[in-house]
């Protein structure tokens, strides 16, 4: 019976560490006890080998590798008795059965001490923790997120400089959630929401809850109440930088207010995060960035820091940084904005991925250009020369093809659905 398992596993284990002074005595003892015929070579302890040609084993090799003044001994052999293997397997089976019994005994004891939601449910726990996602309205960004969108039941932070498209991205998420029949809320802390922007992006204002809280405490209380209700699919807070504590509102400008923005966020997010564990609400915090002045004084690269302290980055499952890349022009007329979205943090998929998007003024995220590009890459749209074959139609030129998709929304939606089936396994699993 051929195998490759450790020698003397019952007495010393498969890997052992010995001091240099004890290594030779250990090998000598092994020779005497096992009546092994062999020899020890190597005196500097960097390469020490013991070889033997006993009938029971074809060979035994003991390399001694230095580990900070100690030497790891690994013993291998080519043949062992089958009875020893059977005894070891029986011992492992008994040990596994004992662990299984002990686990269920512990769960039975915990059942009377905790509520059902605090209990451990093994496979059931992992099945119920799989959360659905809401598309961002951009196939490229959904692909960069790795799961097909933003996860429901989690906190997401979107931050960047002013005018970089943060609000437009959040409104596109609301639009996608409304397509699925969900209710959404927009908490306008900055009091800067333009109803015309909602219409151009495609948000249904009749089914959108809009509030303009007058303090940070009121806003965070609204968020917690809506989250606990479980009836709202997406909540957008615009923005964290504009949150003002109640004491700061009622007090004088010269007053030294102890109740800071970060302290309120820390207390509120602990409670909101607890409520999210029992809800499928997606909470999006829009945040601003500030320069790290200390780094500037030291002559280092100026780092960006977000407002509201460290609690929001900690509790966020996804963090996305948005930066402007340039302006989009058509015949020397500015028609949009190019942005780069970097997934800085992602607890559900690999992070540090980027997606370059185009935002068209009056339309929002340019979906047609993304569908055309990804469709050609994945064979959903065929391209020959300057011609595009889209759902049986032949369109000449890229601009004409994008215009065709914009005018024929049903065909564009069909292509998006096909691309999502190709790109994201998560939708295939949910549909099946």
Protein backbone atom coordinates (compact mmCIF):
# COMPACT_ATOMS: atom_id res chain seq x y z
CA UNK A 1 0.00 0.00 0.00
CA UNK A 2 1.66 3.18 -1.20
CA UNK A 3 1.15 6.47 0.61
CA UNK A 4 3.01 9.54 1.81
CA UNK A 5 2.22 10.16 5.48
CA UNK A 6 4.32 11.18 8.50
CA UNK A 7 6.38 8.62 10.40
CA UNK A 8 5.89 8.29 14.20
CA UNK A 9 2.68 10.29 13.85
CA UNK A 10 1.22 8.84 17.06
CA UNK A 11 4.14 9.91 19.19
CA UNK A 12 5.52 13.11 17.65
CA UNK A 13 3.05 14.29 14.99
CA UNK A 14 3.61 15.18 11.37
CA UNK A 15 5.60 18.40 11.89
CA UNK A 16 7.86 19.00 14.89
CA UNK A 17 10.29 21.69 15.94
CA UNK A 18 13.52 20.75 17.73
CA UNK A 19 16.38 22.73 19.14
CA UNK A 20 19.65 22.10 17.30
CA UNK A 21 21.18 20.48 20.37
CA UNK A 22 18.40 17.89 20.54
CA UNK A 23 18.12 16.98 16.88
CA UNK A 24 20.99 14.46 16.70
CA UNK A 25 19.95 12.81 19.97
CA UNK A 26 16.41 12.49 18.65
CA UNK A 27 17.59 10.77 15.50
CA UNK A 28 19.88 8.47 17.46
CA UNK A 29 17.02 7.50 19.75
CA UNK A 30 14.86 6.72 16.74
CA UNK A 31 17.56 4.40 15.41
CA UNK A 32 17.87 2.55 18.70
CA UNK A 33 14.13 2.17 19.40
CA UNK A 34 13.15 1.22 15.86
CA UNK A 35 16.36 -0.71 15.14
CA UNK A 36 16.85 1.34 12.02
CA UNK A 37 19.84 0.85 9.81
CA UNK A 38 21.00 4.15 8.42
CA UNK A 39 23.29 7.10 8.84
CA UNK A 40 23.11 10.76 9.81
CA UNK A 41 24.81 13.29 7.55
CA UNK A 42 25.36 17.02 7.98
CA UNK A 43 26.97 18.80 10.89
CA UNK A 44 26.12 22.48 10.43
CA UNK A 45 22.39 21.86 11.09
CA UNK A 46 21.39 23.70 7.92
CA UNK A 47 21.06 20.44 5.97
CA UNK A 48 20.69 17.33 8.08
CA UNK A 49 19.43 14.09 6.59
CA UNK A 50 18.74 10.66 7.97
CA UNK A 51 18.37 7.84 5.47
CA UNK A 52 17.43 4.22 6.04
CA UNK A 53 16.73 1.10 4.01
CA UNK A 54 14.72 -0.93 6.48
CA UNK A 55 12.57 -3.57 4.80
CA UNK A 56 9.32 -2.04 6.05
CA UNK A 57 10.13 1.39 4.57
CA UNK A 58 11.81 2.05 1.28
CA UNK A 59 13.35 5.28 2.53
CA UNK A 60 13.04 7.88 5.24
CA UNK A 61 14.07 11.50 4.69
CA UNK A 62 14.35 14.07 7.47
CA UNK A 63 15.15 17.60 6.23
CA UNK A 64 15.91 20.07 9.03
CA UNK A 65 14.94 23.63 8.08
CA UNK A 66 15.91 26.60 10.19
CA UNK A 67 13.07 28.57 11.79
CA UNK A 68 14.55 31.23 14.04
CA UNK A 69 17.01 28.96 15.81
CA UNK A 70 14.73 25.91 15.66
CA UNK A 71 14.50 23.14 13.08
CA UNK A 72 11.34 21.69 11.60
CA UNK A 73 11.49 17.92 11.09
CA UNK A 74 9.37 16.35 8.36
CA UNK A 75 9.48 12.55 8.03
CA UNK A 76 8.02 10.79 5.00
CA UNK A 77 7.84 7.14 4.01
CA UNK A 78 6.45 5.19 1.15
CA UNK A 79 4.73 2.26 2.83
CA UNK A 80 2.82 1.81 6.08
CA UNK A 81 0.65 -0.88 7.52
CA UNK A 82 -3.05 -0.70 6.58
CA UNK A 83 -4.11 -1.40 10.16
CA UNK A 84 -2.54 1.85 11.36
CA UNK A 85 -4.47 3.82 8.73
CA UNK A 86 -7.76 2.14 9.67
CA UNK A 87 -7.21 2.92 13.35
CA UNK A 88 -6.53 6.58 12.56
CA UNK A 89 -9.66 6.82 10.36
CA UNK A 90 -11.83 5.27 13.08
CA UNK A 91 -10.42 7.70 15.62
CA UNK A 92 -11.24 10.66 13.33
CA UNK A 93 -14.82 9.44 12.80
CA UNK A 94 -15.41 9.13 16.54
CA UNK A 95 -13.99 12.60 17.13
CA UNK A 96 -16.23 14.13 14.41
CA UNK A 97 -19.33 12.47 15.90
CA UNK A 98 -18.46 13.84 19.34
CA UNK A 99 -18.12 17.37 17.92
CA UNK A 100 -21.48 17.06 16.12
CA UNK A 101 -23.22 15.96 19.33
CA UNK A 102 -21.57 18.72 21.36
CA UNK A 103 -22.64 21.38 18.83
CA UNK A 104 -26.32 20.39 18.92
CA UNK A 105 -26.19 20.20 22.70
CA UNK A 106 -24.86 23.76 22.86
CA UNK A 107 -27.56 24.99 20.46
CA UNK A 108 -30.25 23.39 22.61
CA UNK A 109 -28.95 25.19 25.68
CA UNK A 110 -28.84 28.53 23.85
CA UNK A 111 -32.41 28.15 22.55
CA UNK A 112 -33.87 29.03 25.93
CA UNK A 113 -31.54 31.96 26.62
CA UNK A 114 -31.83 33.98 23.38
CA UNK A 115 -34.55 34.96 20.95
CA UNK A 116 -34.93 33.18 17.64
CA UNK A 117 -33.18 35.92 15.64
CA UNK A 118 -30.05 35.61 17.77
CA UNK A 119 -29.75 31.85 17.35
CA UNK A 120 -27.34 30.03 15.08
CA UNK A 121 -28.92 28.20 12.16
CA UNK A 122 -25.94 26.93 10.10
CA UNK A 123 -27.16 26.42 6.49
CA UNK A 124 -30.38 28.35 7.09
CA UNK A 125 -28.33 31.34 8.28
CA UNK A 126 -26.31 31.56 5.08
CA UNK A 127 -29.40 31.07 2.90
CA UNK A 128 -31.31 33.92 4.57
CA UNK A 129 -28.30 36.24 4.52
CA UNK A 130 -28.16 36.31 0.70
CA UNK A 131 -29.42 39.80 -0.12
CA UNK A 132 -30.88 40.99 -3.43
CA UNK A 133 -29.25 43.89 -5.24
CA UNK A 134 -30.41 47.11 -6.88
CA UNK A 135 -28.75 48.07 -10.15
CA UNK A 136 -26.90 51.37 -10.29
CA UNK A 137 -28.25 52.03 -13.77
CA UNK A 138 -24.78 51.44 -15.21
CA UNK A 139 -23.72 48.01 -16.44
CA UNK A 140 -20.06 48.96 -16.12
CA UNK A 141 -20.46 49.94 -12.47
CA UNK A 142 -22.58 46.88 -11.71
CA UNK A 143 -19.77 44.81 -13.19
CA UNK A 144 -17.14 46.61 -11.09
CA UNK A 145 -19.19 45.95 -7.95
CA UNK A 146 -19.00 42.24 -8.72
CA UNK A 147 -22.54 41.36 -7.61
CA UNK A 148 -24.63 43.16 -10.22
CA UNK A 149 -25.49 46.26 -8.21
CA UNK A 150 -25.71 47.64 -4.69
CA UNK A 151 -26.71 45.17 -1.94
CA UNK A 152 -30.00 45.66 -0.13
CA UNK A 153 -29.87 45.55 3.64
CA UNK A 154 -26.51 47.34 3.67
CA UNK A 155 -25.02 50.84 3.99
CA UNK A 156 -23.30 52.39 0.97
CA UNK A 157 -21.18 55.55 0.96
CA UNK A 158 -20.73 57.59 -2.23
CA UNK A 159 -18.20 60.38 -1.88
CA UNK A 160 -16.23 62.78 -4.02
CA UNK A 161 -15.73 66.42 -4.94
CA UNK A 162 -18.69 68.66 -5.68
CA UNK A 163 -20.15 68.42 -9.16
CA UNK A 164 -18.81 64.93 -9.79
CA UNK A 165 -22.17 63.22 -10.33
CA UNK A 166 -22.86 61.75 -6.88
CA UNK A 167 -26.50 62.87 -6.78
CA UNK A 168 -27.11 61.72 -10.35
CA UNK A 169 -25.77 58.26 -9.51
CA UNK A 170 -28.00 58.03 -6.43
CA UNK A 171 -31.06 59.08 -8.44
CA UNK A 172 -30.30 56.38 -11.01
CA UNK A 173 -30.32 53.81 -8.20
CA UNK A 174 -33.73 55.13 -7.12
CA UNK A 175 -35.00 54.86 -10.70
CA UNK A 176 -33.87 51.22 -10.94
CA UNK A 177 -35.51 50.39 -7.61
CA UNK A 178 -38.77 51.99 -8.74
CA UNK A 179 -38.72 49.84 -11.88
CA UNK A 180 -38.96 46.83 -9.58
CA UNK A 181 -41.94 48.34 -7.77
CA UNK A 182 -40.02 49.54 -4.73
CA UNK A 183 -40.60 52.58 -2.52
CA UNK A 184 -37.76 55.07 -2.14
CA UNK A 185 -36.98 58.05 0.07
CA UNK A 186 -34.73 61.03 -0.61
CA UNK A 187 -33.61 63.03 2.43
CA UNK A 188 -32.45 66.38 1.10
CA UNK A 189 -30.26 67.79 3.86
CA UNK A 190 -28.67 70.37 1.55
CA UNK A 191 -32.08 71.67 0.40
CA UNK A 192 -30.74 71.64 -3.14
CA UNK A 193 -32.79 68.96 -4.88
CA UNK A 194 -34.03 70.10 -8.28
CA UNK A 195 -37.38 68.55 -9.35
CA UNK A 196 -36.33 68.99 -12.98
CA UNK A 197 -33.30 66.76 -12.35
CA UNK A 198 -35.58 64.03 -11.02
CA UNK A 199 -37.66 64.10 -14.19
CA UNK A 200 -34.68 64.12 -16.56
CA UNK A 201 -33.12 61.11 -14.84
CA UNK A 202 -36.43 59.26 -14.97
CA UNK A 203 -37.42 59.14 -11.30
CA UNK A 204 -41.13 58.76 -10.59
CA UNK A 205 -41.73 61.69 -8.25
CA UNK A 206 -45.24 60.49 -7.36
CA UNK A 207 -43.89 57.44 -5.53
CA UNK A 208 -40.81 59.15 -4.05
CA UNK A 209 -40.73 60.22 -0.41
CA UNK A 210 -38.90 63.55 -0.03
CA UNK A 211 -37.95 65.13 3.28
CA UNK A 212 -35.81 68.08 4.31
CA UNK A 213 -34.92 67.47 7.98
CA UNK A 214 -33.81 70.47 10.01
CA UNK A 215 -31.19 68.68 12.14
CA UNK A 216 -28.90 65.68 12.13
CA UNK A 217 -30.85 64.03 14.93
CA UNK A 218 -34.16 64.32 13.07
CA UNK A 219 -32.70 62.96 9.85
CA UNK A 220 -31.09 59.93 11.46
CA UNK A 221 -34.30 59.22 13.38
CA UNK A 222 -36.22 59.24 10.08
CA UNK A 223 -33.68 56.84 8.58
CA UNK A 224 -33.99 54.45 11.51
CA UNK A 225 -37.80 54.55 11.47
CA UNK A 226 -38.03 53.90 7.72
CA UNK A 227 -35.48 51.10 8.02
CA UNK A 228 -37.36 49.37 10.82
CA UNK A 229 -40.59 49.54 8.82
CA UNK A 230 -39.07 47.37 6.10
CA UNK A 231 -41.32 49.05 3.51
CA UNK A 232 -38.72 51.33 1.91
CA UNK A 233 -36.27 49.83 -0.56
CA UNK A 234 -33.81 52.70 -0.98
CA UNK A 235 -33.01 55.66 1.28
CA UNK A 236 -30.66 58.39 0.02
CA UNK A 237 -29.10 60.93 2.41
CA UNK A 238 -27.71 63.99 0.60
CA UNK A 239 -25.38 64.76 2.25
CA UNK A 240 -23.43 63.90 5.40
CA UNK A 241 -21.40 67.10 5.19
CA UNK A 242 -24.59 69.17 5.61
CA UNK A 243 -25.75 67.43 8.80
CA UNK A 244 -26.01 69.93 11.66
CA UNK A 245 -26.51 68.93 15.32
CA UNK A 246 -29.57 70.45 17.00
CA UNK A 247 -27.45 72.23 19.62
CA UNK A 248 -25.45 73.90 16.88
CA UNK A 249 -28.65 75.18 15.28
CA UNK A 250 -30.12 76.62 18.47
CA UNK A 251 -26.81 77.90 19.90
CA UNK A 252 -24.76 80.90 18.97
CA UNK A 253 -21.99 80.74 16.40
CA UNK A 254 -19.41 81.48 19.09
CA UNK A 255 -20.58 78.60 21.32
CA UNK A 256 -18.28 75.63 21.80
CA UNK A 257 -20.53 72.72 20.85
CA UNK A 258 -19.43 69.39 22.32
CA UNK A 259 -22.03 67.39 20.37
CA UNK A 260 -20.09 66.99 17.15
CA UNK A 261 -21.26 65.55 13.86
CA UNK A 262 -19.04 62.48 14.20
CA UNK A 263 -20.39 61.60 17.65
CA UNK A 264 -23.98 61.74 16.42
CA UNK A 265 -23.11 59.60 13.41
CA UNK A 266 -21.39 57.02 15.61
CA UNK A 267 -24.39 56.61 17.93
CA UNK A 268 -26.95 56.64 15.13
CA UNK A 269 -25.14 54.20 12.84
CA UNK A 270 -24.87 51.62 15.61
CA UNK A 271 -28.64 51.61 15.90
CA UNK A 272 -29.31 51.84 12.16
CA UNK A 273 -26.91 48.99 11.46
CA UNK A 274 -28.78 46.84 13.98
CA UNK A 275 -32.09 47.66 12.25
CA UNK A 276 -30.61 46.79 8.84
CA UNK A 277 -29.93 43.23 10.00
CA UNK A 278 -33.70 42.68 9.90
CA UNK A 279 -34.49 44.77 6.82
CA UNK A 280 -33.84 44.80 3.07
CA UNK A 281 -33.43 48.58 2.89
CA UNK A 282 -30.49 50.00 0.96
CA UNK A 283 -29.14 53.16 2.60
CA UNK A 284 -26.95 55.45 0.48
CA UNK A 285 -24.99 58.21 2.21
CA UNK A 286 -23.67 60.90 -0.13
CA UNK A 287 -20.58 62.52 1.33
CA UNK A 288 -18.10 65.28 0.55
CA UNK A 289 -14.32 65.15 0.82
CA UNK A 290 -11.95 67.54 2.54
CA UNK A 291 -8.19 67.95 2.23
CA UNK A 292 -5.95 66.64 4.99
CA UNK A 293 -4.16 69.86 5.99
CA UNK A 294 -1.59 68.05 8.13
CA UNK A 295 -0.28 66.20 5.11
CA UNK A 296 -0.06 69.47 3.21
CA UNK A 297 2.06 71.10 5.94
CA UNK A 298 4.43 68.14 6.02
CA UNK A 299 4.99 68.46 2.29
CA UNK A 300 3.41 65.09 1.53
CA UNK A 301 0.67 64.27 -0.97
CA UNK A 302 -2.60 65.86 0.11
CA UNK A 303 -4.95 63.12 1.26
CA UNK A 304 -8.73 63.27 1.10
CA UNK A 305 -10.87 62.64 4.15
CA UNK A 306 -14.64 62.31 4.28
CA UNK A 307 -16.94 64.18 6.64
CA UNK A 308 -18.72 62.64 9.61
CA UNK A 309 -15.87 60.75 11.26
CA UNK A 310 -14.81 57.13 10.95
CA UNK A 311 -18.13 55.45 11.79
CA UNK A 312 -19.60 55.68 8.28
CA UNK A 313 -16.58 54.11 6.52
CA UNK A 314 -16.60 51.35 9.12
CA UNK A 315 -20.29 50.44 8.83
CA UNK A 316 -20.43 50.81 5.04
CA UNK A 317 -20.45 47.56 3.10
CA UNK A 318 -19.57 49.43 -0.11
CA UNK A 319 -17.69 52.70 -0.55
CA UNK A 320 -17.42 54.38 -3.94
CA UNK A 321 -15.26 57.37 -4.78
CA UNK A 322 -16.34 59.48 -7.76
CA UNK A 323 -13.99 61.77 -9.65
CA UNK A 324 -14.48 63.90 -12.75
CA UNK A 325 -12.53 62.85 -15.83
CA UNK A 326 -13.52 65.58 -18.26
CA UNK A 327 -16.33 67.13 -20.25
CA UNK A 328 -18.24 65.49 -23.09
CA UNK A 329 -18.63 67.70 -26.15
CA UNK A 330 -20.65 67.42 -29.34
CA UNK A 331 -19.71 69.93 -32.03
CA UNK A 332 -17.88 72.03 -29.40
CA UNK A 333 -20.98 72.06 -27.21
CA UNK A 334 -20.73 70.59 -23.71
CA UNK A 335 -23.30 67.80 -23.50
CA UNK A 336 -22.16 65.78 -20.52
CA UNK A 337 -19.56 64.76 -18.01
CA UNK A 338 -17.12 61.87 -17.86
CA UNK A 339 -16.59 60.37 -14.41
CA UNK A 340 -14.57 57.55 -12.88
CA UNK A 341 -16.11 55.50 -10.07
CA UNK A 342 -13.67 53.55 -7.91
CA UNK A 343 -14.98 50.84 -5.57
CA UNK A 344 -12.76 51.60 -2.58
CA UNK A 345 -14.40 49.10 -0.22
CA UNK A 346 -16.55 46.09 -0.96
CA UNK A 347 -17.51 43.45 1.60
CA UNK A 348 -19.32 41.31 -0.97
CA UNK A 349 -16.78 41.10 -3.80
CA UNK A 350 -13.20 42.11 -4.58
CA UNK A 351 -12.71 45.86 -4.20
CA UNK A 352 -10.41 48.41 -5.87
CA UNK A 353 -12.12 48.14 -9.25
CA UNK A 354 -12.95 51.12 -11.45
CA UNK A 355 -15.65 51.99 -13.95
CA UNK A 356 -15.61 54.98 -16.30
CA UNK A 357 -19.10 56.34 -16.97
CA UNK A 358 -20.64 59.09 -19.04
CA UNK A 359 -23.34 61.37 -17.66
CA UNK A 360 -25.40 63.18 -20.27
CA UNK A 361 -27.02 66.45 -19.25
CA UNK A 362 -30.78 65.98 -19.36
CA UNK A 363 -30.61 62.15 -19.40
CA UNK A 364 -28.37 60.96 -16.59
CA UNK A 365 -26.02 58.00 -17.02
CA UNK A 366 -25.52 57.19 -20.71
CA UNK A 367 -26.90 53.67 -20.84
CA UNK A 368 -26.93 53.41 -24.63
CA UNK A 369 -23.16 53.78 -25.01
CA UNK A 370 -22.53 51.13 -22.34
CA UNK A 371 -24.99 48.69 -23.89
CA UNK A 372 -23.38 49.18 -27.29
CA UNK A 373 -19.84 48.69 -25.97
CA UNK A 374 -20.53 45.68 -23.73
CA UNK A 375 -22.90 44.21 -26.31
CA UNK A 376 -20.11 44.11 -28.89
CA UNK A 377 -17.65 42.66 -26.37
CA UNK A 378 -19.96 39.80 -25.38
CA UNK A 379 -21.54 39.03 -28.75
CA UNK A 380 -24.98 40.43 -27.97
CA UNK A 381 -24.53 43.13 -30.62
CA UNK A 382 -22.67 42.23 -33.82
CA UNK A 383 -20.34 44.74 -35.45
CA UNK A 384 -18.86 44.57 -38.94
CA UNK A 385 -16.84 47.55 -39.98
CA UNK A 386 -18.89 50.61 -39.11
CA UNK A 387 -22.22 48.74 -39.05
CA UNK A 388 -24.03 47.43 -35.97
CA UNK A 389 -26.56 44.58 -36.06
CA UNK A 390 -28.99 45.29 -33.23
CA UNK A 391 -31.96 42.95 -32.75
CA UNK A 392 -32.23 42.26 -36.47
CA UNK A 393 -31.72 45.88 -37.52
CA UNK A 394 -28.62 47.23 -39.27
CA UNK A 395 -27.46 50.65 -38.07
CA UNK A 396 -24.50 52.45 -39.60
CA UNK A 397 -22.24 54.47 -37.31
CA UNK A 398 -21.72 54.53 -33.55
CA UNK A 399 -23.66 57.76 -32.97
CA UNK A 400 -26.60 56.44 -34.99
CA UNK A 401 -26.50 53.15 -33.06
CA UNK A 402 -26.61 54.95 -29.71
CA UNK A 403 -29.46 57.14 -30.94
CA UNK A 404 -31.31 54.02 -32.09
CA UNK A 405 -31.04 52.50 -28.60
CA UNK A 406 -32.18 55.75 -26.97
CA UNK A 407 -35.25 55.95 -29.19
CA UNK A 408 -36.11 52.24 -28.88
CA UNK A 409 -36.19 51.74 -25.11
CA UNK A 410 -37.82 48.29 -25.32
CA UNK A 411 -34.97 46.95 -27.46
CA UNK A 412 -32.42 48.58 -25.15
CA UNK A 413 -34.09 47.00 -22.10
CA UNK A 414 -34.02 43.62 -23.84
CA UNK A 415 -30.30 43.95 -24.52
CA UNK A 416 -29.65 45.00 -20.92
CA UNK A 417 -31.48 41.94 -19.62
CA UNK A 418 -29.49 39.68 -21.94
CA UNK A 419 -26.21 41.27 -20.89
CA UNK A 420 -27.01 40.91 -17.21
CA UNK A 421 -27.64 37.19 -17.71
CA UNK A 422 -24.23 36.94 -19.35
CA UNK A 423 -22.38 39.06 -16.80
CA UNK A 424 -23.92 38.23 -13.45
CA UNK A 425 -24.59 34.72 -12.18
CA UNK A 426 -26.52 36.19 -9.26
CA UNK A 427 -29.46 37.05 -11.51
CA UNK A 428 -29.49 33.58 -13.02
CA UNK A 429 -29.68 32.06 -9.56
CA UNK A 430 -32.50 34.38 -8.50
CA UNK A 431 -34.48 33.78 -11.67
CA UNK A 432 -34.17 30.00 -11.32
